[in-house]
Amino acid sequence: MRAGPTILIALALSAATGPVRARDTQSPHAGSLSVGVGTFNMRHANTSSGVGLEYRLDSRPWFAVGAYERNGDIDLGGPVEFRTSLDVSRALRKGVRVGVTLYHLSNARLYDRNPGVNALAFVQTF
């Protein structure tokens, strides 16, 4: 699967939901739990589906750092990985959002191997 068409579909779906307003229904420093399901490794020959669980300490935008454990899937070069993403979501009610996230995961050349992967997921945040 090529990333280009997938990205265009995700953007079209998010634009079709109505006007975009940059506002947040959570307090600026509240943590949130996000559950997602989607496609991982979109740019490579062997794509895979996945389920993700993420806890965000606060709602300020910043460059995410995390740990990756290879479980027979993709060798990303090492455990320390960096993530950049584009998240588009809509509030269903106070404290609950649904949306789409598109992200790139890479080790920023900390290791000899740095394939980097792209993912597209539908998420629900509490």
PDB file of N, CA and C in Angstrom:
ATOM      1  N   MET A   1       0.841  -1.175   0.000  1.00  0.00           N
ATOM      2  CA  MET A   1       0.000   0.000   0.000  1.00  0.00           C
ATOM      3  C   MET A   1       0.885   1.236   0.000  1.00  0.00           C
ATOM      4  N   ARG A   2       0.595   2.170  -0.825  1.00  0.00           N
ATOM      5  CA  ARG A   2       1.361   3.413  -0.866  1.00  0.00           C
ATOM      6  C   ARG A   2       0.786   4.411   0.131  1.00  0.00           C
ATOM      7  N   ALA A   3       1.671   5.183   0.739  1.00  0.00           N
ATOM      8  CA  ALA A   3       1.253   6.140   1.757  1.00  0.00           C
ATOM      9  C   ALA A   3       0.480   7.309   1.159  1.00  0.00           C
ATOM     10  N   GLY A   4       0.810   7.740  -0.051  1.00  0.00           N
ATOM     11  CA  GLY A   4       0.172   8.901  -0.663  1.00  0.00           C
ATOM     12  C   GLY A   4      -1.338   8.813  -0.729  1.00  0.00           C
ATOM     13  N   PRO A   5      -1.904   7.764  -1.346  1.00  0.00           N
ATOM     14  CA  PRO A   5      -3.361   7.649  -1.408  1.00  0.00           C
ATOM     15  C   PRO A   5      -4.002   7.542  -0.028  1.00  0.00           C
ATOM     16  N   THR A   6      -3.349   6.853   0.898  1.00  0.00           N
ATOM     17  CA  THR A   6      -3.891   6.699   2.248  1.00  0.00           C
ATOM     18  C   THR A   6      -3.961   8.044   2.955  1.00  0.00           C
ATOM     19  N   ILE A   7      -2.933   8.854   2.795  1.00  0.00           N
ATOM     20  CA  ILE A   7      -2.904  10.175   3.412  1.00  0.00           C
ATOM     21  C   ILE A   7      -4.019  11.046   2.835  1.00  0.00           C
ATOM     22  N   LEU A   8      -4.189  10.999   1.521  1.00  0.00           N
ATOM     23  CA  LEU A   8      -5.245  11.795   0.876  1.00  0.00           C
ATOM     24  C   LEU A   8      -6.630  11.372   1.344  1.00  0.00           C
ATOM     25  N   ILE A   9      -6.849  10.075   1.493  1.00  0.00           N
ATOM     26  CA  ILE A   9      -8.143   9.580   1.980  1.00  0.00           C
ATOM     27  C   ILE A   9      -8.391  10.056   3.403  1.00  0.00           C
ATOM     28  N   ALA A  10      -7.377   9.969   4.257  1.00  0.00           N
ATOM     29  CA  ALA A  10      -7.522  10.410   5.649  1.00  0.00           C
ATOM     30  C   ALA A  10      -7.832  11.897   5.732  1.00  0.00           C
ATOM     31  N   LEU A  11      -7.148  12.695   4.933  1.00  0.00           N
ATOM     32  CA  LEU A  11      -7.399  14.138   4.937  1.00  0.00           C
ATOM     33  C   LEU A  11      -8.785  14.458   4.391  1.00  0.00           C
ATOM     34  N   ALA A  12      -9.213  13.740   3.360  1.00  0.00           N
ATOM     35  CA  ALA A  12     -10.547  13.962   2.796  1.00  0.00           C
ATOM     36  C   ALA A  12     -11.629  13.608   3.810  1.00  0.00           C
ATOM     37  N   LEU A  13     -11.460  12.496   4.516  1.00  0.00           N
ATOM     38  CA  LEU A  13     -12.430  12.104   5.536  1.00  0.00           C
ATOM     39  C   LEU A  13     -12.497  13.116   6.666  1.00  0.00           C
ATOM     40  N   SER A  14     -11.334  13.603   7.082  1.00  0.00           N
ATOM     41  CA  SER A  14     -11.330  14.577   8.174  1.00  0.00           C
ATOM     42  C   SER A  14     -11.932  15.905   7.735  1.00  0.00           C
ATOM     43  N   ALA A  15     -11.739  16.300   6.483  1.00  0.00           N
ATOM     44  CA  ALA A  15     -12.305  17.552   5.976  1.00  0.00           C
ATOM     45  C   ALA A  15     -13.817  17.433   5.797  1.00  0.00           C
ATOM     46  N   ALA A  16     -14.292  16.231   5.507  1.00  0.00           N
ATOM     47  CA  ALA A  16     -15.717  16.026   5.271  1.00  0.00           C
ATOM     48  C   ALA A  16     -16.541  16.065   6.556  1.00  0.00           C
ATOM     49  N   THR A  17     -15.907  16.055   7.708  1.00  0.00           N
ATOM     50  CA  THR A  17     -16.650  16.041   8.968  1.00  0.00           C
ATOM     51  C   THR A  17     -17.200  17.398   9.343  1.00  0.00           C
ATOM     52  N   GLY A  18     -16.816  18.440   8.650  1.00  0.00           N
ATOM     53  CA  GLY A  18     -17.354  19.762   8.948  1.00  0.00           C
ATOM     54  C   GLY A  18     -16.241  20.768   9.150  1.00  0.00           C
ATOM     55  N   PRO A  19     -16.596  21.982   9.541  1.00  0.00           N
ATOM     56  CA  PRO A  19     -15.593  23.027   9.722  1.00  0.00           C
ATOM     57  C   PRO A  19     -14.611  22.685  10.830  1.00  0.00           C
ATOM     58  N   VAL A  20     -13.384  23.105  10.639  1.00  0.00           N
ATOM     59  CA  VAL A  20     -12.334  22.825  11.607  1.00  0.00           C
ATOM     60  C   VAL A  20     -12.190  24.008  12.548  1.00  0.00           C
ATOM     61  N   ARG A  21     -12.243  23.732  13.834  1.00  0.00           N
ATOM     62  CA  ARG A  21     -12.026  24.761  14.847  1.00  0.00           C
ATOM     63  C   ARG A  21     -10.946  24.269  15.794  1.00  0.00           C
ATOM     64  N   ALA A  22      -9.956  25.083  16.004  1.00  0.00           N
ATOM     65  CA  ALA A  22      -8.859  24.704  16.896  1.00  0.00           C
ATOM     66  C   ALA A  22      -9.237  25.045  18.320  1.00  0.00           C
ATOM     67  N   ARG A  23      -9.867  24.104  18.977  1.00  0.00           N
ATOM     68  CA  ARG A  23     -10.188  24.291  20.383  1.00  0.00           C
ATOM     69  C   ARG A  23     -10.087  22.954  21.078  1.00  0.00           C
ATOM     70  N   ASP A  24      -9.840  22.998  22.350  1.00  0.00           N
ATOM     71  CA  ASP A  24      -9.655  21.790  23.123  1.00  0.00           C
ATOM     72  C   ASP A  24     -10.652  21.781  24.263  1.00  0.00           C
ATOM     73  N   THR A  25     -11.315  20.656  24.483  1.00  0.00           N
ATOM     74  CA  THR A  25     -12.307  20.576  25.541  1.00  0.00           C
ATOM     75  C   THR A  25     -11.691  20.159  26.874  1.00  0.00           C
ATOM     76  N   GLN A  26     -10.420  19.790  26.874  1.00  0.00           N
ATOM     77  CA  GLN A  26      -9.746  19.413  28.111  1.00  0.00           C
ATOM     78  C   GLN A  26      -8.988  20.599  28.663  1.00  0.00           C
ATOM     79  N   SER A  27      -8.664  20.533  29.951  1.00  0.00           N
ATOM     80  CA  SER A  27      -7.830  21.587  30.502  1.00  0.00           C
ATOM     81  C   SER A  27      -6.452  21.474  29.872  1.00  0.00           C
ATOM     82  N   PRO A  28      -5.693  22.573  29.761  1.00  0.00           N
ATOM     83  CA  PRO A  28      -4.429  22.560  29.034  1.00  0.00           C
ATOM     84  C   PRO A  28      -3.372  21.629  29.619  1.00  0.00           C
ATOM     85  N   HIS A  29      -3.527  21.206  30.852  1.00  0.00           N
ATOM     86  CA  HIS A  29      -2.498  20.352  31.441  1.00  0.00           C
ATOM     87  C   HIS A  29      -3.030  18.987  31.871  1.00  0.00           C
ATOM     88  N   ALA A  30      -4.214  18.618  31.420  1.00  0.00           N
ATOM     89  CA  ALA A  30      -4.790  17.332  31.790  1.00  0.00           C
ATOM     90  C   ALA A  30      -4.189  16.215  30.953  1.00  0.00           C
ATOM     91  N   GLY A  31      -3.973  15.067  31.556  1.00  0.00           N
ATOM     92  CA  GLY A  31      -3.508  13.906  30.818  1.00  0.00           C
ATOM     93  C   GLY A  31      -4.664  13.250  30.091  1.00  0.00           C
ATOM     94  N   SER A  32      -4.358  12.425  29.098  1.00  0.00           N
ATOM     95  CA  SER A  32      -5.411  11.735  28.360  1.00  0.00           C
ATOM     96  C   SER A  32      -4.935  10.350  27.945  1.00  0.00           C
ATOM     97  N   LEU A  33      -5.887   9.443  27.817  1.00  0.00           N
ATOM     98  CA  LEU A  33      -5.627   8.078  27.384  1.00  0.00           C
ATOM     99  C   LEU A  33      -6.228   7.914  25.996  1.00  0.00           C
ATOM    100  N   SER A  34      -5.447   7.359  25.078  1.00  0.00           N
ATOM    101  CA  SER A  34      -5.888   7.208  23.698  1.00  0.00           C
ATOM    102  C   SER A  34      -5.761   5.748  23.276  1.00  0.00           C
ATOM    103  N   VAL A  35      -6.808   5.228  22.647  1.00  0.00           N
ATOM    104  CA  VAL A  35      -6.830   3.865  22.118  1.00  0.00           C
ATOM    105  C   VAL A  35      -7.022   3.981  20.620  1.00  0.00           C
ATOM    106  N   GLY A  36      -6.199   3.263  19.836  1.00  0.00           N
ATOM    107  CA  GLY A  36      -6.294   3.369  18.391  1.00  0.00           C
ATOM    108  C   GLY A  36      -6.142   2.043  17.685  1.00  0.00           C
ATOM    109  N   VAL A  37      -6.643   1.988  16.470  1.00  0.00           N
ATOM    110  CA  VAL A  37      -6.494   0.822  15.608  1.00  0.00           C
ATOM    111  C   VAL A  37      -6.221   1.335  14.198  1.00  0.00           C
ATOM    112  N   GLY A  38      -5.265   0.679  13.508  1.00  0.00           N
ATOM    113  CA  GLY A  38      -4.946   1.166  12.178  1.00  0.00           C
ATOM    114  C   GLY A  38      -3.904   0.351  11.460  1.00  0.00           C
ATOM    115  N   THR A  39      -3.301   0.977  10.451  1.00  0.00           N
ATOM    116  CA  THR A  39      -2.302   0.358   9.595  1.00  0.00           C
ATOM    117  C   THR A  39      -0.921   0.866   9.978  1.00  0.00           C
ATOM    118  N   PHE A  40       0.000  -0.056  10.141  1.00  0.00           N
ATOM    119  CA  PHE A  40       1.369   0.254  10.536  1.00  0.00           C
ATOM    120  C   PHE A  40       2.303  -0.173   9.408  1.00  0.00           C
ATOM    121  N   ASN A  41       3.363   0.576   9.195  1.00  0.00           N
ATOM    122  CA  ASN A  41       4.360   0.224   8.193  1.00  0.00           C
ATOM    123  C   ASN A  41       3.828   0.425   6.783  1.00  0.00           C
ATOM    124  N   MET A  42       3.115   1.520   6.559  1.00  0.00           N
ATOM    125  CA  MET A  42       2.441   1.765   5.285  1.00  0.00           C
ATOM    126  C   MET A  42       3.386   1.888   4.099  1.00  0.00           C
ATOM    127  N   ARG A  43       4.568   2.371   4.303  1.00  0.00           N
ATOM    128  CA  ARG A  43       5.488   2.651   3.204  1.00  0.00           C
ATOM    129  C   ARG A  43       6.225   1.404   2.710  1.00  0.00           C
ATOM    130  N   HIS A  44       6.220   0.343   3.457  1.00  0.00           N
ATOM    131  CA  HIS A  44       6.990  -0.856   3.135  1.00  0.00           C
ATOM    132  C   HIS A  44       6.119  -1.929   2.472  1.00  0.00           C
ATOM    133  N   ALA A  45       6.763  -2.958   1.967  1.00  0.00           N
ATOM    134  CA  ALA A  45       6.066  -4.017   1.243  1.00  0.00           C
ATOM    135  C   ALA A  45       5.102  -4.800   2.139  1.00  0.00           C
ATOM    136  N   ASN A  46       5.466  -5.024   3.393  1.00  0.00           N
ATOM    137  CA  ASN A  46       4.633  -5.806   4.306  1.00  0.00           C
ATOM    138  C   ASN A  46       3.968  -4.901   5.325  1.00  0.00           C
ATOM    139  N   THR A  47       2.738  -4.472   5.025  1.00  0.00           N
ATOM    140  CA  THR A  47       2.006  -3.656   5.990  1.00  0.00           C
ATOM    141  C   THR A  47       1.406  -4.566   7.049  1.00  0.00           C
ATOM    142  N   SER A  48       1.096  -4.001   8.188  1.00  0.00           N
ATOM    143  CA  SER A  48       0.459  -4.779   9.239  1.00  0.00           C
ATOM    144  C   SER A  48      -0.563  -3.917   9.954  1.00  0.00           C
ATOM    145  N   SER A  49      -1.526  -4.565  10.557  1.00  0.00           N
ATOM    146  CA  SER A  49      -2.527  -3.867  11.349  1.00  0.00           C
ATOM    147  C   SER A  49      -2.072  -3.860  12.791  1.00  0.00           C
ATOM    148  N   GLY A  50      -2.547  -2.893  13.538  1.00  0.00           N
ATOM    149  CA  GLY A  50      -2.130  -2.836  14.922  1.00  0.00           C
ATOM    150  C   GLY A  50      -3.134  -2.126  15.798  1.00  0.00           C
ATOM    151  N   VAL A  51      -2.967  -2.338  17.086  1.00  0.00           N
ATOM    152  CA  VAL A  51      -3.756  -1.680  18.113  1.00  0.00           C
ATOM    153  C   VAL A  51      -2.781  -0.937  18.992  1.00  0.00           C
ATOM    154  N   GLY A  52      -3.098   0.299  19.339  1.00  0.00           N
ATOM    155  CA  GLY A  52      -2.196   1.094  20.151  1.00  0.00           C
ATOM    156  C   GLY A  52      -2.870   1.640  21.389  1.00  0.00           C
ATOM    157  N   LEU A  53      -2.081   1.821  22.426  1.00  0.00           N
ATOM    158  CA  LEU A  53      -2.526   2.415  23.671  1.00  0.00           C
ATOM    159  C   LEU A  53      -1.495   3.464  24.042  1.00  0.00           C
ATOM    160  N   GLU A  54      -1.956   4.669  24.310  1.00  0.00           N
ATOM    161  CA  GLU A  54      -1.033   5.780  24.542  1.00  0.00           C
ATOM    162  C   GLU A  54      -1.554   6.654  25.667  1.00  0.00           C
ATOM    163  N   TYR A  55      -0.659   7.087  26.547  1.00  0.00           N
ATOM    164  CA  TYR A  55      -1.019   8.058  27.578  1.00  0.00           C
ATOM    165  C   TYR A  55      -0.250   9.332  27.317  1.00  0.00           C
ATOM    166  N   ARG A  56      -0.961  10.425  27.165  1.00  0.00           N
ATOM    167  CA  ARG A  56      -0.328  11.727  26.945  1.00  0.00           C
ATOM    168  C   ARG A  56      -0.368  12.496  28.255  1.00  0.00           C
ATOM    169  N   LEU A  57       0.802  12.990  28.667  1.00  0.00           N
ATOM    170  CA  LEU A  57       0.899  13.685  29.941  1.00  0.00           C
ATOM    171  C   LEU A  57       0.124  14.988  29.963  1.00  0.00           C
ATOM    172  N   ASP A  58       0.110  15.721  28.857  1.00  0.00           N
ATOM    173  CA  ASP A  58      -0.647  16.961  28.755  1.00  0.00           C
ATOM    174  C   ASP A  58      -1.001  17.206  27.303  1.00  0.00           C
ATOM    175  N   SER A  59      -1.741  18.269  27.028  1.00  0.00           N
ATOM    176  CA  SER A  59      -2.220  18.492  25.666  1.00  0.00           C
ATOM    177  C   SER A  59      -1.367  19.463  24.866  1.00  0.00           C
ATOM    178  N   ARG A  60      -0.218  19.860  25.384  1.00  0.00           N
ATOM    179  CA  ARG A  60       0.656  20.749  24.610  1.00  0.00           C
ATOM    180  C   ARG A  60       1.363  19.965  23.510  1.00  0.00           C
ATOM    181  N   PRO A  61       1.511  20.547  22.302  1.00  0.00           N
ATOM    182  CA  PRO A  61       2.203  19.836  21.220  1.00  0.00           C
ATOM    183  C   PRO A  61       3.709  19.819  21.471  1.00  0.00           C
ATOM    184  N   TRP A  62       4.311  18.636  21.374  1.00  0.00           N
ATOM    185  CA  TRP A  62       5.757  18.496  21.496  1.00  0.00           C
ATOM    186  C   TRP A  62       6.177  17.203  20.825  1.00  0.00           C
ATOM    187  N   PHE A  63       7.467  17.076  20.579  1.00  0.00           N
ATOM    188  CA  PHE A  63       8.017  15.917  19.850  1.00  0.00           C
ATOM    189  C   PHE A  63       8.070  14.700  20.770  1.00  0.00           C
ATOM    190  N   ALA A  64       7.387  13.632  20.424  1.00  0.00           N
ATOM    191  CA  ALA A  64       7.245  12.472  21.301  1.00  0.00           C
ATOM    192  C   ALA A  64       8.433  11.525  21.207  1.00  0.00           C
ATOM    193  N   VAL A  65       8.834  11.002  22.348  1.00  0.00           N
ATOM    194  CA  VAL A  65       9.887  10.000  22.450  1.00  0.00           C
ATOM    195  C   VAL A  65       9.278   8.799  23.150  1.00  0.00           C
ATOM    196  N   GLY A  66       9.594   7.603  22.669  1.00  0.00           N
ATOM    197  CA  GLY A  66       9.040   6.406  23.292  1.00  0.00           C
ATOM    198  C   GLY A  66       9.959   5.221  23.131  1.00  0.00           C
ATOM    199  N   ALA A  67       9.530   4.099  23.664  1.00  0.00           N
ATOM    200  CA  ALA A  67      10.288   2.855  23.579  1.00  0.00           C
ATOM    201  C   ALA A  67       9.529   1.881  22.686  1.00  0.00           C
ATOM    202  N   TYR A  68      10.269   1.174  21.848  1.00  0.00           N
ATOM    203  CA  TYR A  68       9.688   0.203  20.921  1.00  0.00           C
ATOM    204  C   TYR A  68      10.298  -1.152  21.202  1.00  0.00           C
ATOM    205  N   GLU A  69       9.455  -2.161  21.373  1.00  0.00           N
ATOM    206  CA  GLU A  69       9.950  -3.518  21.565  1.00  0.00           C
ATOM    207  C   GLU A  69       9.550  -4.348  20.356  1.00  0.00           C
ATOM    208  N   ARG A  70      10.547  -4.882  19.700  1.00  0.00           N
ATOM    209  CA  ARG A  70      10.282  -5.707  18.522  1.00  0.00           C
ATOM    210  C   ARG A  70       9.688  -7.029  18.980  1.00  0.00           C
ATOM    211  N   ASN A  71       8.544  -7.363  18.402  1.00  0.00           N
ATOM    212  CA  ASN A  71       7.854  -8.589  18.766  1.00  0.00           C
ATOM    213  C   ASN A  71       7.645  -9.428  17.510  1.00  0.00           C
ATOM    214  N   GLY A  72       8.760  -9.755  16.852  1.00  0.00           N
ATOM    215  CA  GLY A  72       8.686 -10.546  15.626  1.00  0.00           C
ATOM    216  C   GLY A  72       8.203  -9.761  14.424  1.00  0.00           C
ATOM    217  N   ASP A  73       8.084  -8.459  14.559  1.00  0.00           N
ATOM    218  CA  ASP A  73       7.553  -7.643  13.475  1.00  0.00           C
ATOM    219  C   ASP A  73       8.685  -6.865  12.821  1.00  0.00           C
ATOM    220  N   ILE A  74       8.678  -5.587  12.897  1.00  0.00           N
ATOM    221  CA  ILE A  74       9.596  -4.714  12.179  1.00  0.00           C
ATOM    222  C   ILE A  74      10.797  -4.359  13.043  1.00  0.00           C
ATOM    223  N   ASP A  75      11.991  -4.466  12.468  1.00  0.00           N
ATOM    224  CA  ASP A  75      13.217  -4.082  13.164  1.00  0.00           C
ATOM    225  C   ASP A  75      13.460  -2.597  12.914  1.00  0.00           C
ATOM    226  N   LEU A  76      13.216  -1.775  13.945  1.00  0.00           N
ATOM    227  CA  LEU A  76      13.411  -0.335  13.811  1.00  0.00           C
ATOM    228  C   LEU A  76      14.803   0.108  14.226  1.00  0.00           C
ATOM    229  N   GLY A  77      15.688  -0.833  14.532  1.00  0.00           N
ATOM    230  CA  GLY A  77      17.073  -0.500  14.832  1.00  0.00           C
ATOM    231  C   GLY A  77      17.411  -0.481  16.302  1.00  0.00           C
ATOM    232  N   GLY A  78      16.470  -0.167  17.172  1.00  0.00           N
ATOM    233  CA  GLY A  78      16.719  -0.100  18.605  1.00  0.00           C
ATOM    234  C   GLY A  78      15.463   0.299  19.351  1.00  0.00           C
ATOM    235  N   PRO A  79      15.549   0.345  20.680  1.00  0.00           N
ATOM    236  CA  PRO A  79      14.350   0.613  21.474  1.00  0.00           C
ATOM    237  C   PRO A  79      13.919   2.081  21.546  1.00  0.00           C
ATOM    238  N   VAL A  80      14.835   3.032  21.392  1.00  0.00           N
ATOM    239  CA  VAL A  80      14.479   4.451  21.499  1.00  0.00           C
ATOM    240  C   VAL A  80      14.017   4.954  20.137  1.00  0.00           C
ATOM    241  N   GLU A  81      12.798   5.475  20.084  1.00  0.00           N
ATOM    242  CA  GLU A  81      12.202   5.942  18.842  1.00  0.00           C
ATOM    243  C   GLU A  81      11.571   7.314  19.054  1.00  0.00           C
ATOM    244  N   PHE A  82      11.496   8.094  17.989  1.00  0.00           N
ATOM    245  CA  PHE A  82      10.889   9.418  18.015  1.00  0.00           C
ATOM    246  C   PHE A  82       9.679   9.401  17.089  1.00  0.00           C
ATOM    247  N   ARG A  83       8.659  10.157  17.445  1.00  0.00           N
ATOM    248  CA  ARG A  83       7.430  10.165  16.655  1.00  0.00           C
ATOM    249  C   ARG A  83       6.989  11.591  16.382  1.00  0.00           C
ATOM    250  N   THR A  84       6.645  11.843  15.126  1.00  0.00           N
ATOM    251  CA  THR A  84       5.983  13.087  14.755  1.00  0.00           C
ATOM    252  C   THR A  84       4.629  12.703  14.163  1.00  0.00           C
ATOM    253  N   SER A  85       3.606  13.509  14.441  1.00  0.00           N
ATOM    254  CA  SER A  85       2.278  13.111  13.983  1.00  0.00           C
ATOM    255  C   SER A  85       1.400  14.309  13.656  1.00  0.00           C
ATOM    256  N   LEU A  86       0.376  14.008  12.900  1.00  0.00           N
ATOM    257  CA  LEU A  86      -0.695  14.941  12.608  1.00  0.00           C
ATOM    258  C   LEU A  86      -1.965  14.291  13.141  1.00  0.00           C
ATOM    259  N   ASP A  87      -2.605  14.928  14.098  1.00  0.00           N
ATOM    260  CA  ASP A  87      -3.825  14.397  14.706  1.00  0.00           C
ATOM    261  C   ASP A  87      -4.992  15.308  14.382  1.00  0.00           C
ATOM    262  N   VAL A  88      -6.069  14.720  13.912  1.00  0.00           N
ATOM    263  CA  VAL A  88      -7.299  15.450  13.654  1.00  0.00           C
ATOM    264  C   VAL A  88      -8.399  14.721  14.409  1.00  0.00           C
ATOM    265  N   SER A  89      -9.091  15.450  15.290  1.00  0.00           N
ATOM    266  CA  SER A  89     -10.129  14.792  16.086  1.00  0.00           C
ATOM    267  C   SER A  89     -11.311  15.709  16.311  1.00  0.00           C
ATOM    268  N   ARG A  90     -12.375  15.108  16.794  1.00  0.00           N
ATOM    269  CA  ARG A  90     -13.613  15.840  17.063  1.00  0.00           C
ATOM    270  C   ARG A  90     -14.144  15.418  18.423  1.00  0.00           C
ATOM    271  N   ALA A  91     -14.601  16.387  19.212  1.00  0.00           N
ATOM    272  CA  ALA A  91     -15.156  16.088  20.532  1.00  0.00           C
ATOM    273  C   ALA A  91     -16.560  15.507  20.379  1.00  0.00           C
ATOM    274  N   LEU A  92     -16.784  14.361  21.018  1.00  0.00           N
ATOM    275  CA  LEU A  92     -18.128  13.783  21.059  1.00  0.00           C
ATOM    276  C   LEU A  92     -18.903  14.360  22.235  1.00  0.00           C
ATOM    277  N   ARG A  93     -18.230  14.424  23.367  1.00  0.00           N
ATOM    278  CA  ARG A  93     -18.755  15.050  24.573  1.00  0.00           C
ATOM    279  C   ARG A  93     -17.553  15.433  25.421  1.00  0.00           C
ATOM    280  N   LYS A  94     -17.772  16.112  26.496  1.00  0.00           N
ATOM    281  CA  LYS A  94     -16.662  16.606  27.312  1.00  0.00           C
ATOM    282  C   LYS A  94     -15.761  15.447  27.748  1.00  0.00           C
ATOM    283  N   GLY A  95     -14.487  15.534  27.364  1.00  0.00           N
ATOM    284  CA  GLY A  95     -13.505  14.530  27.757  1.00  0.00           C
ATOM    285  C   GLY A  95     -13.385  13.343  26.824  1.00  0.00           C
ATOM    286  N   VAL A  96     -14.184  13.253  25.753  1.00  0.00           N
ATOM    287  CA  VAL A  96     -14.118  12.127  24.806  1.00  0.00           C
ATOM    288  C   VAL A  96     -13.991  12.678  23.392  1.00  0.00           C
ATOM    289  N   ARG A  97     -12.976  12.201  22.661  1.00  0.00           N
ATOM    290  CA  ARG A  97     -12.737  12.629  21.282  1.00  0.00           C
ATOM    291  C   ARG A  97     -12.542  11.399  20.405  1.00  0.00           C
ATOM    292  N   VAL A  98     -12.897  11.507  19.123  1.00  0.00           N
ATOM    293  CA  VAL A  98     -12.582  10.500  18.120  1.00  0.00           C
ATOM    294  C   VAL A  98     -11.861  11.204  16.988  1.00  0.00           C
ATOM    295  N   GLY A  99     -10.948  10.488  16.339  1.00  0.00           N
ATOM    296  CA  GLY A  99     -10.222  11.126  15.261  1.00  0.00           C
ATOM    297  C   GLY A  99      -9.304  10.191  14.511  1.00  0.00           C
ATOM    298  N   VAL A 100      -8.443  10.810  13.730  1.00  0.00           N
ATOM    299  CA  VAL A 100      -7.480  10.113  12.888  1.00  0.00           C
ATOM    300  C   VAL A 100      -6.099  10.664  13.215  1.00  0.00           C
ATOM    301  N   THR A 101      -5.114   9.787  13.281  1.00  0.00           N
ATOM    302  CA  THR A 101      -3.732  10.231  13.464  1.00  0.00           C
ATOM    303  C   THR A 101      -2.853   9.593  12.390  1.00  0.00           C
ATOM    304  N   LEU A 102      -1.990  10.386  11.847  1.00  0.00           N
ATOM    305  CA  LEU A 102      -1.009   9.938  10.870  1.00  0.00           C
ATOM    306  C   LEU A 102       0.349  10.251  11.470  1.00  0.00           C
ATOM    307  N   TYR A 103       1.210   9.235  11.621  1.00  0.00           N
ATOM    308  CA  TYR A 103       2.496   9.511  12.245  1.00  0.00           C
ATOM    309  C   TYR A 103       3.650   8.765  11.594  1.00  0.00           C
ATOM    310  N   HIS A 104       4.844   9.296  11.847  1.00  0.00           N
ATOM    311  CA  HIS A 104       6.096   8.695  11.389  1.00  0.00           C
ATOM    312  C   HIS A 104       6.919   8.355  12.626  1.00  0.00           C
ATOM    313  N   LEU A 105       7.452   7.146  12.660  1.00  0.00           N
ATOM    314  CA  LEU A 105       8.248   6.652  13.780  1.00  0.00           C
ATOM    315  C   LEU A 105       9.634   6.312  13.270  1.00  0.00           C
ATOM    316  N   SER A 106      10.660   6.846  13.945  1.00  0.00           N
ATOM    317  CA  SER A 106      12.034   6.650  13.497  1.00  0.00           C
ATOM    318  C   SER A 106      12.981   6.808  14.680  1.00  0.00           C
ATOM    319  N   ASN A 107      14.202   6.287  14.562  1.00  0.00           N
ATOM    320  CA  ASN A 107      15.156   6.430  15.662  1.00  0.00           C
ATOM    321  C   ASN A 107      16.127   7.588  15.450  1.00  0.00           C
ATOM    322  N   ALA A 108      15.893   8.409  14.459  1.00  0.00           N
ATOM    323  CA  ALA A 108      16.714   9.594  14.174  1.00  0.00           C
ATOM    324  C   ALA A 108      18.198   9.252  14.033  1.00  0.00           C
ATOM    325  N   ARG A 109      18.454   8.086  13.471  1.00  0.00           N
ATOM    326  CA  ARG A 109      19.823   7.606  13.211  1.00  0.00           C
ATOM    327  C   ARG A 109      20.665   7.417  14.471  1.00  0.00           C
ATOM    328  N   LEU A 110      20.007   7.047  15.563  1.00  0.00           N
ATOM    329  CA  LEU A 110      20.745   6.685  16.780  1.00  0.00           C
ATOM    330  C   LEU A 110      21.436   5.333  16.605  1.00  0.00           C
ATOM    331  N   TYR A 111      20.905   4.500  15.720  1.00  0.00           N
ATOM    332  CA  TYR A 111      21.418   3.152  15.480  1.00  0.00           C
ATOM    333  C   TYR A 111      21.814   3.016  14.009  1.00  0.00           C
ATOM    334  N   ASP A 112      22.539   1.952  13.690  1.00  0.00           N
ATOM    335  CA  ASP A 112      22.944   1.712  12.305  1.00  0.00           C
ATOM    336  C   ASP A 112      21.735   1.505  11.395  1.00  0.00           C
ATOM    337  N   ARG A 113      20.712   0.859  11.914  1.00  0.00           N
ATOM    338  CA  ARG A 113      19.502   0.593  11.136  1.00  0.00           C
ATOM    339  C   ARG A 113      18.433   1.622  11.517  1.00  0.00           C
ATOM    340  N   ASN A 114      17.887   2.318  10.505  1.00  0.00           N
ATOM    341  CA  ASN A 114      16.856   3.331  10.735  1.00  0.00           C
ATOM    342  C   ASN A 114      15.846   3.321   9.589  1.00  0.00           C
ATOM    343  N   PRO A 115      15.005   2.278   9.503  1.00  0.00           N
ATOM    344  CA  PRO A 115      14.076   2.214   8.375  1.00  0.00           C
ATOM    345  C   PRO A 115      12.948   3.236   8.464  1.00  0.00           C
ATOM    346  N   GLY A 116      12.517   3.586   9.658  1.00  0.00           N
ATOM    347  CA  GLY A 116      11.378   4.487   9.829  1.00  0.00           C
ATOM    348  C   GLY A 116      10.111   3.854   9.292  1.00  0.00           C
ATOM    349  N   VAL A 117       8.989   4.098   9.930  1.00  0.00           N
ATOM    350  CA  VAL A 117       7.704   3.565   9.478  1.00  0.00           C
ATOM    351  C   VAL A 117       6.641   4.646   9.602  1.00  0.00           C
ATOM    352  N   ASN A 118       5.612   4.505   8.791  1.00  0.00           N
ATOM    353  CA  ASN A 118       4.465   5.409   8.834  1.00  0.00           C
ATOM    354  C   ASN A 118       3.239   4.624   9.267  1.00  0.00           C
ATOM    355  N   ALA A 119       2.329   5.296   9.961  1.00  0.00           N
ATOM    356  CA  ALA A 119       1.113   4.626  10.421  1.00  0.00           C
ATOM    357  C   ALA A 119      -0.075   5.569  10.303  1.00  0.00           C
ATOM    358  N   LEU A 120      -1.236   4.984  10.099  1.00  0.00           N
ATOM    359  CA  LEU A 120      -2.491   5.701  10.061  1.00  0.00           C
ATOM    360  C   LEU A 120      -3.436   4.963  10.992  1.00  0.00           C
ATOM    361  N   ALA A 121      -4.016   5.682  11.959  1.00  0.00           N
ATOM    362  CA  ALA A 121      -4.889   5.022  12.931  1.00  0.00           C
ATOM    363  C   ALA A 121      -6.118   5.865  13.230  1.00  0.00           C
ATOM    364  N   PHE A 122      -7.195   5.193  13.526  1.00  0.00           N
ATOM    365  CA  PHE A 122      -8.400   5.831  14.033  1.00  0.00           C
ATOM    366  C   PHE A 122      -8.339   5.706  15.544  1.00  0.00           C
ATOM    367  N   VAL A 123      -8.536   6.816  16.247  1.00  0.00           N
ATOM    368  CA  VAL A 123      -8.316   6.826  17.698  1.00  0.00           C
ATOM    369  C   VAL A 123      -9.529   7.363  18.445  1.00  0.00           C
ATOM    370  N   GLN A 124      -9.641   6.900  19.696  1.00  0.00           N
ATOM    371  CA  GLN A 124     -10.600   7.464  20.636  1.00  0.00           C
ATOM    372  C   GLN A 124      -9.820   7.859  21.860  1.00  0.00           C
ATOM    373  N   THR A 125     -10.008   9.097  22.306  1.00  0.00           N
ATOM    374  CA  THR A 125      -9.264   9.639  23.425  1.00  0.00           C
ATOM    375  C   THR A 125     -10.203   9.969  24.564  1.00  0.00           C
ATOM    376  N   PHE A 126      -9.767   9.622  25.776  1.00  0.00           N
ATOM    377  CA  PHE A 126     -10.543   9.881  26.996  1.00  0.00           C
ATOM    378  C   PHE A 126      -9.789  10.838  27.888  1.00  0.00           C
TER     379      PHE A 126
END
